[in-house]
Amino acid sequence: MRENGQVSDVRHVLVLPDRDTAEELAEALPARFGISEEPQLVRDALAGEDDAEDAQWLVVLADAEDALDPAELDAFAAEFEGWREDP
């Protein structure tokens, strides 16, 4: 009986201050890290917030091969006034 190879469901979440910054970071990711899969942008309103201006934006990256270095992603997000959220 043959076993399937391990499947990794590693995801990285980068937190950014606003949508424009999140989109700018997402556009820069392929050149910087050589990723081919498009990152997902998600609005993250904090509990009780009604004002869209106060929402943070998340850039979610799938990393099935576990090839991206979390420290490098954190440093990259910091260039955009953001950070990498620990899982």
N, C-alpha and C. Protein backbone atom coordinates (compact mmCIF):
# COMPACT_ATOMS: atom_id res chain seq x y z
N MET A 1 0.83 -1.17 0.00
CA MET A 1 0.00 0.00 0.00
C MET A 1 0.88 1.24 0.00
N ARG A 2 0.58 2.15 -0.89
CA ARG A 2 1.36 3.37 -1.01
C ARG A 2 0.74 4.48 -0.15
N GLU A 3 1.59 5.24 0.53
CA GLU A 3 1.11 6.36 1.33
C GLU A 3 1.21 7.65 0.54
N ASN A 4 0.27 8.51 0.79
CA ASN A 4 0.33 9.84 0.17
C ASN A 4 1.40 10.66 0.85
N GLY A 5 1.99 11.58 0.10
CA GLY A 5 2.96 12.49 0.68
C GLY A 5 2.28 13.45 1.63
N GLN A 6 3.06 14.06 2.50
CA GLN A 6 2.49 15.00 3.44
C GLN A 6 1.98 16.24 2.71
N VAL A 7 0.85 16.72 3.16
CA VAL A 7 0.28 17.94 2.62
C VAL A 7 0.40 19.01 3.68
N SER A 8 0.95 20.14 3.31
CA SER A 8 1.11 21.23 4.26
C SER A 8 0.03 22.28 4.02
N ASP A 9 -0.56 22.75 5.10
CA ASP A 9 -1.56 23.80 5.00
C ASP A 9 -1.03 25.06 5.66
N VAL A 10 0.24 25.37 5.42
CA VAL A 10 0.85 26.54 6.03
C VAL A 10 0.31 27.79 5.36
N ARG A 11 -0.12 28.71 6.19
CA ARG A 11 -0.57 30.01 5.71
C ARG A 11 0.12 31.09 6.55
N HIS A 12 0.44 32.17 5.90
CA HIS A 12 1.02 33.32 6.58
C HIS A 12 0.02 34.46 6.49
N VAL A 13 -0.15 35.18 7.59
CA VAL A 13 -1.07 36.31 7.63
C VAL A 13 -0.27 37.56 7.93
N LEU A 14 -0.29 38.50 7.00
CA LEU A 14 0.38 39.78 7.18
C LEU A 14 -0.69 40.82 7.47
N VAL A 15 -0.49 41.61 8.51
CA VAL A 15 -1.48 42.60 8.94
C VAL A 15 -0.99 43.98 8.52
N LEU A 16 -1.85 44.71 7.79
CA LEU A 16 -1.50 46.03 7.29
C LEU A 16 -2.51 47.07 7.76
N PRO A 17 -2.10 48.35 7.80
CA PRO A 17 -2.97 49.38 8.36
C PRO A 17 -4.16 49.77 7.50
N ASP A 18 -4.08 49.58 6.19
CA ASP A 18 -5.20 49.98 5.33
C ASP A 18 -5.18 49.20 4.02
N ARG A 19 -6.25 49.33 3.26
CA ARG A 19 -6.40 48.57 2.02
C ARG A 19 -5.33 48.91 0.98
N ASP A 20 -5.07 50.20 0.80
CA ASP A 20 -4.08 50.60 -0.20
C ASP A 20 -2.72 49.99 0.09
N THR A 21 -2.33 50.00 1.35
CA THR A 21 -1.05 49.43 1.74
C THR A 21 -1.04 47.92 1.53
N ALA A 22 -2.15 47.27 1.87
CA ALA A 22 -2.26 45.82 1.68
C ALA A 22 -2.15 45.46 0.19
N GLU A 23 -2.82 46.25 -0.66
CA GLU A 23 -2.74 45.98 -2.10
C GLU A 23 -1.33 46.21 -2.63
N GLU A 24 -0.67 47.25 -2.13
CA GLU A 24 0.70 47.54 -2.56
C GLU A 24 1.63 46.40 -2.17
N LEU A 25 1.50 45.92 -0.93
CA LEU A 25 2.32 44.80 -0.47
C LEU A 25 2.04 43.55 -1.32
N ALA A 26 0.76 43.26 -1.56
CA ALA A 26 0.39 42.07 -2.34
C ALA A 26 0.98 42.12 -3.74
N GLU A 27 1.03 43.32 -4.33
CA GLU A 27 1.62 43.46 -5.67
C GLU A 27 3.13 43.25 -5.65
N ALA A 28 3.78 43.59 -4.53
CA ALA A 28 5.23 43.46 -4.44
C ALA A 28 5.69 42.05 -4.05
N LEU A 29 4.80 41.24 -3.51
CA LEU A 29 5.18 39.89 -3.05
C LEU A 29 5.80 38.99 -4.12
N PRO A 30 5.22 38.89 -5.32
CA PRO A 30 5.80 37.97 -6.31
C PRO A 30 7.26 38.30 -6.66
N ALA A 31 7.56 39.58 -6.82
CA ALA A 31 8.93 39.96 -7.17
C ALA A 31 9.89 39.69 -6.02
N ARG A 32 9.45 39.90 -4.81
CA ARG A 32 10.32 39.75 -3.65
C ARG A 32 10.51 38.29 -3.24
N PHE A 33 9.43 37.50 -3.31
CA PHE A 33 9.50 36.13 -2.80
C PHE A 33 9.27 35.05 -3.86
N GLY A 34 9.00 35.45 -5.08
CA GLY A 34 8.83 34.47 -6.15
C GLY A 34 7.59 33.61 -6.02
N ILE A 35 6.57 34.13 -5.36
CA ILE A 35 5.34 33.35 -5.21
C ILE A 35 4.52 33.43 -6.50
N SER A 36 3.80 32.36 -6.79
CA SER A 36 2.97 32.36 -8.00
C SER A 36 1.49 32.45 -7.67
N GLU A 37 1.11 32.00 -6.48
CA GLU A 37 -0.30 32.05 -6.10
C GLU A 37 -0.64 33.44 -5.59
N GLU A 38 -1.76 33.98 -6.07
CA GLU A 38 -2.16 35.31 -5.66
C GLU A 38 -2.59 35.32 -4.19
N PRO A 39 -2.07 36.27 -3.41
CA PRO A 39 -2.47 36.35 -2.01
C PRO A 39 -3.92 36.83 -1.88
N GLN A 40 -4.53 36.51 -0.77
CA GLN A 40 -5.91 36.89 -0.51
C GLN A 40 -5.92 38.11 0.40
N LEU A 41 -6.70 39.13 0.06
CA LEU A 41 -6.85 40.31 0.90
C LEU A 41 -8.17 40.21 1.66
N VAL A 42 -8.10 40.47 2.96
CA VAL A 42 -9.27 40.34 3.83
C VAL A 42 -9.34 41.55 4.75
N ARG A 43 -10.50 42.16 4.86
CA ARG A 43 -10.72 43.27 5.79
C ARG A 43 -10.94 42.67 7.17
N ASP A 44 -10.25 43.22 8.17
CA ASP A 44 -10.35 42.70 9.53
C ASP A 44 -10.79 43.82 10.46
N ALA A 45 -12.09 43.99 10.61
CA ALA A 45 -12.61 45.01 11.52
C ALA A 45 -12.52 44.47 12.94
N LEU A 46 -12.03 45.28 13.83
CA LEU A 46 -11.95 44.88 15.22
C LEU A 46 -13.34 44.91 15.83
N ALA A 47 -13.56 44.11 16.84
CA ALA A 47 -14.88 44.00 17.47
C ALA A 47 -15.39 45.37 17.89
N GLY A 48 -16.62 45.67 17.51
CA GLY A 48 -17.26 46.92 17.88
C GLY A 48 -16.95 48.09 16.97
N GLU A 49 -16.12 47.88 15.97
CA GLU A 49 -15.78 48.98 15.06
C GLU A 49 -16.80 49.08 13.94
N ASP A 50 -17.32 50.27 13.75
CA ASP A 50 -18.25 50.53 12.65
C ASP A 50 -17.58 51.30 11.53
N ASP A 51 -16.49 51.97 11.84
CA ASP A 51 -15.82 52.83 10.88
C ASP A 51 -14.82 52.02 10.05
N ALA A 52 -15.05 51.96 8.75
CA ALA A 52 -14.17 51.19 7.86
C ALA A 52 -12.74 51.74 7.87
N GLU A 53 -12.59 53.01 8.21
CA GLU A 53 -11.25 53.60 8.25
C GLU A 53 -10.38 52.96 9.33
N ASP A 54 -11.01 52.42 10.38
CA ASP A 54 -10.26 51.83 11.47
C ASP A 54 -9.91 50.37 11.24
N ALA A 55 -10.38 49.79 10.15
CA ALA A 55 -10.15 48.37 9.89
C ALA A 55 -8.71 48.13 9.47
N GLN A 56 -8.19 46.99 9.90
CA GLN A 56 -6.90 46.53 9.40
C GLN A 56 -7.18 45.64 8.21
N TRP A 57 -6.17 45.45 7.38
CA TRP A 57 -6.29 44.56 6.24
C TRP A 57 -5.28 43.45 6.37
N LEU A 58 -5.72 42.26 6.04
CA LEU A 58 -4.87 41.08 6.10
C LEU A 58 -4.51 40.63 4.70
N VAL A 59 -3.27 40.23 4.52
CA VAL A 59 -2.83 39.59 3.29
C VAL A 59 -2.50 38.16 3.68
N VAL A 60 -3.26 37.21 3.14
CA VAL A 60 -3.10 35.80 3.49
C VAL A 60 -2.38 35.09 2.35
N LEU A 61 -1.27 34.43 2.70
CA LEU A 61 -0.45 33.72 1.72
C LEU A 61 -0.48 32.23 2.00
N ALA A 62 -0.83 31.46 1.01
CA ALA A 62 -0.71 30.00 1.13
C ALA A 62 0.75 29.65 0.88
N ASP A 63 1.28 28.74 1.67
CA ASP A 63 2.68 28.32 1.56
C ASP A 63 2.73 26.80 1.66
N ALA A 64 2.14 26.12 0.68
CA ALA A 64 1.99 24.66 0.70
C ALA A 64 3.34 23.95 0.83
N GLU A 65 4.38 24.53 0.31
CA GLU A 65 5.70 23.89 0.37
C GLU A 65 6.51 24.34 1.58
N ASP A 66 5.92 25.19 2.42
CA ASP A 66 6.57 25.71 3.62
C ASP A 66 7.95 26.29 3.27
N ALA A 67 7.97 27.09 2.19
CA ALA A 67 9.22 27.61 1.67
C ALA A 67 9.50 29.06 2.09
N LEU A 68 8.48 29.76 2.58
CA LEU A 68 8.66 31.16 2.94
C LEU A 68 9.17 31.29 4.38
N ASP A 69 10.16 32.14 4.57
CA ASP A 69 10.74 32.35 5.89
C ASP A 69 9.89 33.37 6.66
N PRO A 70 9.32 32.96 7.78
CA PRO A 70 8.48 33.87 8.56
C PRO A 70 9.18 35.17 8.96
N ALA A 71 10.45 35.10 9.31
CA ALA A 71 11.19 36.30 9.71
C ALA A 71 11.33 37.27 8.53
N GLU A 72 11.57 36.74 7.33
CA GLU A 72 11.67 37.60 6.15
C GLU A 72 10.32 38.23 5.82
N LEU A 73 9.24 37.45 5.98
CA LEU A 73 7.91 38.01 5.75
C LEU A 73 7.59 39.11 6.76
N ASP A 74 7.98 38.91 8.00
CA ASP A 74 7.75 39.92 9.03
C ASP A 74 8.51 41.21 8.70
N ALA A 75 9.76 41.08 8.29
CA ALA A 75 10.56 42.24 7.93
C ALA A 75 9.97 42.95 6.71
N PHE A 76 9.48 42.17 5.75
CA PHE A 76 8.86 42.74 4.55
C PHE A 76 7.60 43.51 4.93
N ALA A 77 6.75 42.93 5.78
CA ALA A 77 5.53 43.61 6.21
C ALA A 77 5.87 44.89 6.97
N ALA A 78 6.95 44.87 7.75
CA ALA A 78 7.36 46.06 8.51
C ALA A 78 7.71 47.22 7.57
N GLU A 79 8.20 46.91 6.37
CA GLU A 79 8.49 47.95 5.39
C GLU A 79 7.22 48.70 4.98
N PHE A 80 6.06 48.06 5.19
CA PHE A 80 4.77 48.64 4.85
C PHE A 80 3.98 49.00 6.12
N GLU A 81 4.70 49.15 7.24
CA GLU A 81 4.09 49.47 8.54
C GLU A 81 3.12 48.39 9.02
N GLY A 82 3.46 47.14 8.72
CA GLY A 82 2.65 46.02 9.15
C GLY A 82 3.49 44.97 9.87
N TRP A 83 2.92 43.81 10.06
CA TRP A 83 3.60 42.72 10.73
C TRP A 83 3.01 41.39 10.29
N ARG A 84 3.75 40.30 10.59
CA ARG A 84 3.25 38.94 10.34
C ARG A 84 2.63 38.44 11.61
N GLU A 85 1.42 37.96 11.52
CA GLU A 85 0.70 37.42 12.68
C GLU A 85 1.15 35.99 12.91
N ASP A 86 1.52 35.66 14.14
CA ASP A 86 1.87 34.27 14.46
C ASP A 86 0.60 33.44 14.48
N PRO A 87 0.70 32.20 13.97
CA PRO A 87 -0.51 31.34 13.95
C PRO A 87 -1.00 30.98 15.34
